[in-house]
Protein backbone atom coordinates (compact mmCIF):
# COMPACT_ATOMS: atom_id res chain seq x y z
CA MET A 1 27.81 15.50 4.32
CA ASP A 2 26.89 11.99 3.65
CA PHE A 3 23.52 10.33 2.59
CA GLN A 4 21.94 6.77 3.01
CA ILE A 5 19.39 5.17 1.02
CA ALA A 6 17.30 2.45 2.49
CA PRO A 7 18.43 -0.92 0.59
CA HIS A 8 14.73 -1.79 -0.16
CA ALA A 9 13.31 1.59 -1.18
CA GLY A 10 11.19 1.28 -4.36
CA PHE A 11 9.05 -1.14 -6.16
CA CYS A 12 8.00 -4.16 -4.19
CA PHE A 13 7.31 -7.74 -5.54
CA GLY A 14 3.68 -7.21 -6.21
CA VAL A 15 4.06 -3.96 -7.86
CA LYS A 16 6.88 -5.37 -10.19
CA MET A 17 4.70 -8.27 -11.08
CA ALA A 18 1.61 -5.91 -11.95
CA ILE A 19 3.74 -3.55 -14.13
CA GLN A 20 5.46 -6.71 -16.06
CA LYS A 21 2.18 -8.17 -16.61
CA GLY A 22 0.68 -4.84 -17.98
CA GLU A 23 3.78 -4.41 -20.35
CA GLU A 24 3.56 -8.04 -21.48
CA LEU A 25 -0.03 -7.49 -22.58
CA VAL A 26 1.02 -4.33 -24.42
CA ARG A 27 3.67 -6.29 -26.30
CA ALA A 28 1.23 -8.98 -27.30
CA GLY A 29 -1.07 -6.52 -28.74
CA HIS A 30 -3.71 -6.25 -26.11
CA VAL A 31 -3.99 -2.40 -26.44
CA PRO A 32 -5.66 -0.27 -25.35
CA LEU A 33 -6.39 -1.70 -21.89
CA ALA A 34 -7.93 -0.50 -18.81
CA THR A 35 -7.39 -0.82 -15.01
CA LEU A 36 -10.16 -0.34 -12.78
CA GLY A 37 -8.64 2.32 -10.45
CA PRO A 38 -4.93 3.34 -11.04
CA LEU A 39 -2.72 -0.08 -11.07
CA ILE A 40 -0.36 1.43 -8.34
CA HIS A 41 -0.50 4.46 -6.29
CA ASN A 42 2.05 6.48 -8.27
CA PRO A 43 0.89 9.13 -10.69
CA GLN A 44 4.13 9.32 -12.43
CA GLU A 45 4.16 5.53 -13.33
CA VAL A 46 0.40 5.54 -13.99
CA LYS A 47 1.17 8.36 -16.62
CA ARG A 48 3.92 6.20 -18.07
CA LEU A 49 1.70 3.23 -18.44
CA GLU A 50 -0.88 5.37 -20.04
CA SER A 51 1.65 6.46 -22.65
CA LEU A 52 1.87 2.67 -23.38
CA GLY A 53 -2.00 2.28 -23.69
CA ILE A 54 -2.85 1.16 -20.26
CA TYR A 55 -5.57 3.54 -18.96
CA ALA A 56 -7.03 3.84 -15.42
CA ARG A 57 -10.69 4.08 -15.19
CA GLU A 58 -12.51 4.83 -12.05
CA THR A 59 -15.73 2.96 -12.89
CA PHE A 60 -17.11 0.27 -15.25
CA GLU A 61 -18.97 2.91 -17.07
CA GLU A 62 -15.99 4.56 -18.15
CA ILE A 63 -14.25 1.34 -19.59
CA ARG A 64 -14.14 1.45 -23.34
CA GLU A 65 -11.60 -1.22 -23.52
CA ASN A 66 -12.14 -5.18 -23.78
CA THR A 67 -9.04 -6.23 -21.57
CA VAL A 68 -9.05 -5.09 -17.82
CA LEU A 69 -6.38 -5.34 -15.24
CA ILE A 70 -7.36 -5.75 -11.72
CA ARG A 71 -5.13 -3.45 -9.60
CA THR A 72 -2.47 -4.53 -7.15
CA HIS A 73 -4.77 -3.54 -4.10
CA GLY A 74 -7.32 -6.21 -5.06
CA VAL A 75 -11.04 -6.03 -5.42
CA ALA A 76 -14.26 -7.40 -3.96
CA PRO A 77 -15.90 -10.59 -5.58
CA SER A 78 -18.58 -8.42 -7.03
CA VAL A 79 -16.10 -6.78 -9.12
CA TYR A 80 -15.20 -10.16 -10.87
CA GLU A 81 -19.00 -10.71 -11.30
CA GLU A 82 -19.70 -7.60 -12.80
CA ALA A 83 -16.62 -7.93 -15.22
CA GLU A 84 -18.07 -11.31 -16.20
CA LYS A 85 -21.49 -9.73 -17.05
CA ARG A 86 -20.08 -7.34 -19.28
CA GLY A 87 -17.97 -9.82 -21.17
CA LEU A 88 -14.62 -8.33 -20.25
CA GLU A 89 -11.37 -10.01 -20.59
CA LEU A 90 -9.58 -9.95 -16.84
CA TYR A 91 -6.02 -10.39 -16.00
CA ASP A 92 -5.59 -10.34 -12.14
CA CYS A 93 -2.73 -8.35 -10.91
CA THR A 94 -3.72 -8.54 -7.29
CA CYS A 95 -0.68 -8.60 -5.05
CA PRO A 96 -0.33 -12.30 -3.72
CA PHE A 97 -0.04 -11.03 -0.21
CA VAL A 98 -3.42 -9.34 -0.55
CA LYS A 99 -4.95 -12.40 -2.14
CA LYS A 100 -3.99 -14.32 1.04
CA ILE A 101 -5.95 -11.79 3.21
CA HIS A 102 -9.00 -12.41 0.73
CA ARG A 103 -8.81 -16.24 1.46
CA ILE A 104 -8.36 -15.71 5.24
CA VAL A 105 -11.42 -13.49 5.54
CA GLU A 106 -13.69 -15.60 3.41
CA GLU A 107 -12.78 -18.59 5.30
CA LYS A 108 -13.13 -17.15 8.59
CA SER A 109 -16.29 -15.15 7.98
CA ALA A 110 -17.95 -18.26 6.67
CA GLU A 111 -16.96 -20.14 9.90
CA GLY A 112 -18.84 -17.32 12.00
CA TYR A 113 -15.88 -15.00 12.81
CA GLU A 114 -16.55 -11.20 13.26
CA ILE A 115 -13.79 -9.75 10.94
CA ILE A 116 -11.81 -6.84 11.96
CA ILE A 117 -9.56 -5.21 9.47
CA ILE A 118 -6.72 -3.06 10.61
CA GLY A 119 -6.13 -0.32 7.97
CA ASN A 120 -7.34 2.81 6.49
CA GLU A 121 -10.88 3.22 6.07
CA GLY A 122 -11.74 4.04 2.24
CA HIS A 123 -8.37 2.77 0.95
CA PRO A 124 -8.98 0.42 -2.24
CA GLU A 125 -7.21 -2.53 -0.44
CA VAL A 126 -9.28 -2.39 2.58
CA GLU A 127 -12.52 -1.97 0.57
CA GLY A 128 -11.52 -5.02 -1.58
CA ILE A 129 -10.82 -7.04 1.75
CA ARG A 130 -14.18 -6.09 3.14
CA GLY A 131 -15.79 -7.64 0.16
CA TRP A 132 -14.69 -11.00 0.78
CA ALA A 133 -16.33 -11.19 4.16
CA SER A 134 -19.88 -12.79 4.21
CA THR A 135 -21.09 -10.49 7.02
CA PRO A 136 -20.22 -6.93 7.47
CA ALA A 137 -16.51 -6.23 8.47
CA ILE A 138 -15.22 -3.67 11.13
CA VAL A 139 -12.45 -1.46 9.81
CA VAL A 140 -10.16 0.07 12.50
CA GLU A 141 -7.35 2.35 12.05
CA SER A 142 -6.80 4.31 15.60
CA HIS A 143 -6.66 3.53 19.16
CA GLU A 144 -9.69 5.35 19.74
CA GLN A 145 -11.76 3.43 17.40
CA ALA A 146 -10.38 0.12 18.91
CA GLU A 147 -11.43 1.22 22.42
CA LYS A 148 -14.85 2.11 21.34
CA ILE A 149 -15.72 -1.22 19.60
CA THR A 150 -17.64 -3.72 21.40
CA ILE A 151 -18.34 -7.26 20.11
CA ASP A 152 -20.74 -10.04 21.30
CA ARG A 153 -18.84 -12.30 23.67
CA ASP A 154 -20.31 -15.18 22.03
CA LYS A 155 -18.60 -14.24 18.95
CA LYS A 156 -14.99 -15.43 17.93
CA VAL A 157 -12.99 -12.61 16.13
CA CYS A 158 -10.42 -12.72 13.38
CA ILE A 159 -8.17 -9.62 12.99
CA VAL A 160 -6.17 -9.29 9.72
CA SER A 161 -4.40 -6.10 8.61
CA GLN A 162 -4.00 -4.05 5.40
CA THR A 163 -0.55 -5.11 3.82
CA THR A 164 0.91 -1.72 4.12
CA PHE A 165 -0.03 -0.84 7.71
CA ASN A 166 2.37 0.47 10.32
CA TYR A 167 3.67 -2.67 12.03
CA ARG A 168 4.07 -1.21 15.53
CA LYS A 169 0.66 0.35 15.41
CA PHE A 170 -0.93 -3.01 14.15
CA GLN A 171 0.48 -4.63 17.42
CA GLU A 172 -0.89 -1.94 19.66
CA LEU A 173 -4.37 -2.22 18.21
CA VAL A 174 -4.15 -5.97 18.42
CA GLU A 175 -3.35 -5.77 22.01
CA ILE A 176 -6.40 -3.60 22.69
CA PHE A 177 -8.71 -6.27 21.53
CA THR A 178 -6.74 -8.96 23.29
CA LYS A 179 -7.01 -7.22 26.72
CA LYS A 180 -10.89 -6.92 26.17
CA GLY A 181 -10.85 -10.67 26.54
CA TYR A 182 -12.40 -11.70 23.22
CA ASP A 183 -11.65 -15.01 21.54
CA VAL A 184 -9.13 -13.40 19.08
CA SER A 185 -7.43 -15.22 16.09
CA VAL A 186 -4.74 -12.86 14.64
CA ALA A 187 -3.39 -13.00 11.04
CA ASN A 188 -0.50 -10.58 10.67
CA THR A 189 -1.05 -9.92 7.05
CA ILE A 190 1.33 -6.88 6.82
CA CYS A 191 3.65 -8.17 3.92
CA ASN A 192 7.31 -8.85 4.80
CA ALA A 193 8.33 -6.13 2.33
CA THR A 194 6.46 -3.49 4.32
CA GLU A 195 7.91 -4.72 7.60
CA VAL A 196 11.40 -4.62 6.26
CA ARG A 197 10.94 -1.13 4.47
CA GLN A 198 9.69 0.23 7.94
CA LYS A 199 12.35 -1.13 9.99
CA GLU A 200 14.97 0.25 7.61
CA ALA A 201 13.34 3.67 7.56
CA ARG A 202 13.04 3.79 11.43
CA GLU A 203 16.92 2.94 11.68
CA ILE A 204 17.96 5.48 9.17
CA ALA A 205 15.74 8.32 10.45
CA ASP A 206 17.01 7.62 13.95
CA GLU A 207 20.68 8.64 12.59
CA ALA A 208 19.84 11.13 10.13
CA ASP A 209 19.85 14.89 10.24
CA VAL A 210 17.31 15.07 7.30
CA MET A 211 15.13 12.48 6.13
CA ILE A 212 13.61 12.44 2.53
CA VAL A 213 10.52 10.18 1.88
CA ILE A 214 9.44 9.56 -1.77
CA GLY A 215 6.04 8.37 -2.58
CA GLY A 216 2.67 8.97 -4.36
CA ALA A 217 0.39 11.33 -2.41
CA HIS A 218 -2.18 8.52 -2.38
CA SER A 219 0.28 5.87 -1.37
CA SER A 220 -0.56 4.38 2.04
CA ASN A 221 2.75 2.72 2.54
CA SER A 222 4.60 5.82 1.57
CA ARG A 223 2.59 7.75 4.01
CA LYS A 224 3.27 5.31 6.83
CA LEU A 225 6.98 5.59 6.17
CA TYR A 226 6.63 9.35 6.49
CA GLU A 227 4.93 8.89 9.79
CA ILE A 228 7.62 6.59 11.03
CA CYS A 229 10.36 8.82 10.04
CA ALA A 230 9.00 11.97 11.31
CA LYS A 231 8.72 10.37 14.69
CA GLU A 232 12.51 9.68 14.61
CA CYS A 233 13.75 12.81 12.61
CA GLU A 234 12.03 16.22 12.84
CA ASN A 235 13.33 17.24 9.57
CA THR A 236 11.52 14.88 7.43
CA HIS A 237 10.40 15.66 3.97
CA PHE A 238 7.61 13.74 2.11
CA ILE A 239 7.79 14.30 -1.80
CA GLN A 240 6.27 12.69 -4.98
CA THR A 241 9.22 13.71 -7.41
CA LEU A 242 12.47 15.88 -7.39
CA GLU A 243 10.47 19.04 -8.09
CA ASP A 244 8.80 18.73 -4.81
CA LEU A 245 12.15 18.99 -2.92
CA HIS A 246 13.36 22.21 -1.60
CA LEU A 247 16.20 21.69 0.67
CA ASP A 248 18.32 24.49 2.30
CA LEU A 249 20.67 22.40 4.49
CA PRO A 250 22.86 24.14 7.16
CA LYS A 251 26.56 23.05 7.30
CA SER A 252 25.89 21.07 10.34
CA VAL A 253 24.03 18.28 8.64
CA GLU A 254 25.95 15.29 8.41
CA LEU A 255 23.65 12.82 7.13
CA VAL A 256 20.64 12.52 4.91
CA GLY A 257 18.33 9.73 4.59
CA ILE A 258 16.33 8.48 1.66
CA THR A 259 13.63 6.13 1.46
CA ALA A 260 10.70 5.22 -0.89
CA GLY A 261 7.45 3.62 -1.08
CA ALA A 262 6.78 0.34 -2.62
CA SER A 263 5.09 2.10 -5.86
CA THR A 264 8.06 4.46 -6.52
CA PRO A 265 9.92 4.09 -9.68
CA ASN A 266 13.71 3.75 -9.35
CA LYS A 267 14.05 6.72 -11.87
CA ILE A 268 12.65 9.09 -9.25
CA ILE A 269 14.88 7.70 -6.59
CA GLU A 270 17.78 8.21 -8.58
CA GLU A 271 17.14 11.69 -9.38
CA VAL A 272 16.67 12.69 -5.80
CA GLN A 273 19.73 10.66 -4.87
CA ASN A 274 21.95 12.31 -7.75
CA TYR A 275 20.45 15.75 -6.59
CA VAL A 276 21.55 15.27 -3.05
CA ARG A 277 24.96 14.02 -3.95
CA ILE A 278 25.71 16.83 -6.33
CA ASN A 279 24.32 19.86 -4.40
CA PHE A 280 25.38 19.18 -0.97
């Protein structure tokens, strides 16, 4: 039996940057410090950061620290304003690709465009993006929702995407709005790392007899990888750590594929890789 690991599995640029910033602040003596919500969507890494003195707080009322990191998913302008009112020292770890969406939404909504965000309702990245629109933004994540939406024909429409959304599904949803005849401006804001990761996962899953996807339970990009792999490979497993992996592989299995979300530490990927290598 052989196994194949997706070349771009694991931490993306934005996640690496945020973690490095947090560790720099710890070394500089800015401890304890807080993040408003988990810095990234991986409980094991969040726990490791906590051991360094970086604590995830859900609300401003819970924050007792003077220094606060803005999470990779980004936040609405109101969060910056509230932090300033409270006299907190802010360090912005918003992913640069998310920042780009904030700028687009802010500019286009000011120009009178109706904003449509293709992404997962309630996800912190989507909520942050929504906050940069000067008028209410519409969030769409399914074909059914897209079909039901009607917009004033006099309005121009700007469509953006959550950075970790399924690329093919994004294209399909955009096509629905285009066919309705709206004056549509499309900004494909799915980050390049997401596109590459999804492409790799699809190609490996298409060849594999078994596919393992590693990621946090609340990680949007990891869930998307699982959805993509499950369509190509029936025997696809979604796990957070090696402890979640319970494989009983028949001798007919020739290839096991492994991929991981953008917030999955290399340590966990290596543990799964070594387990598969040694035991099968």
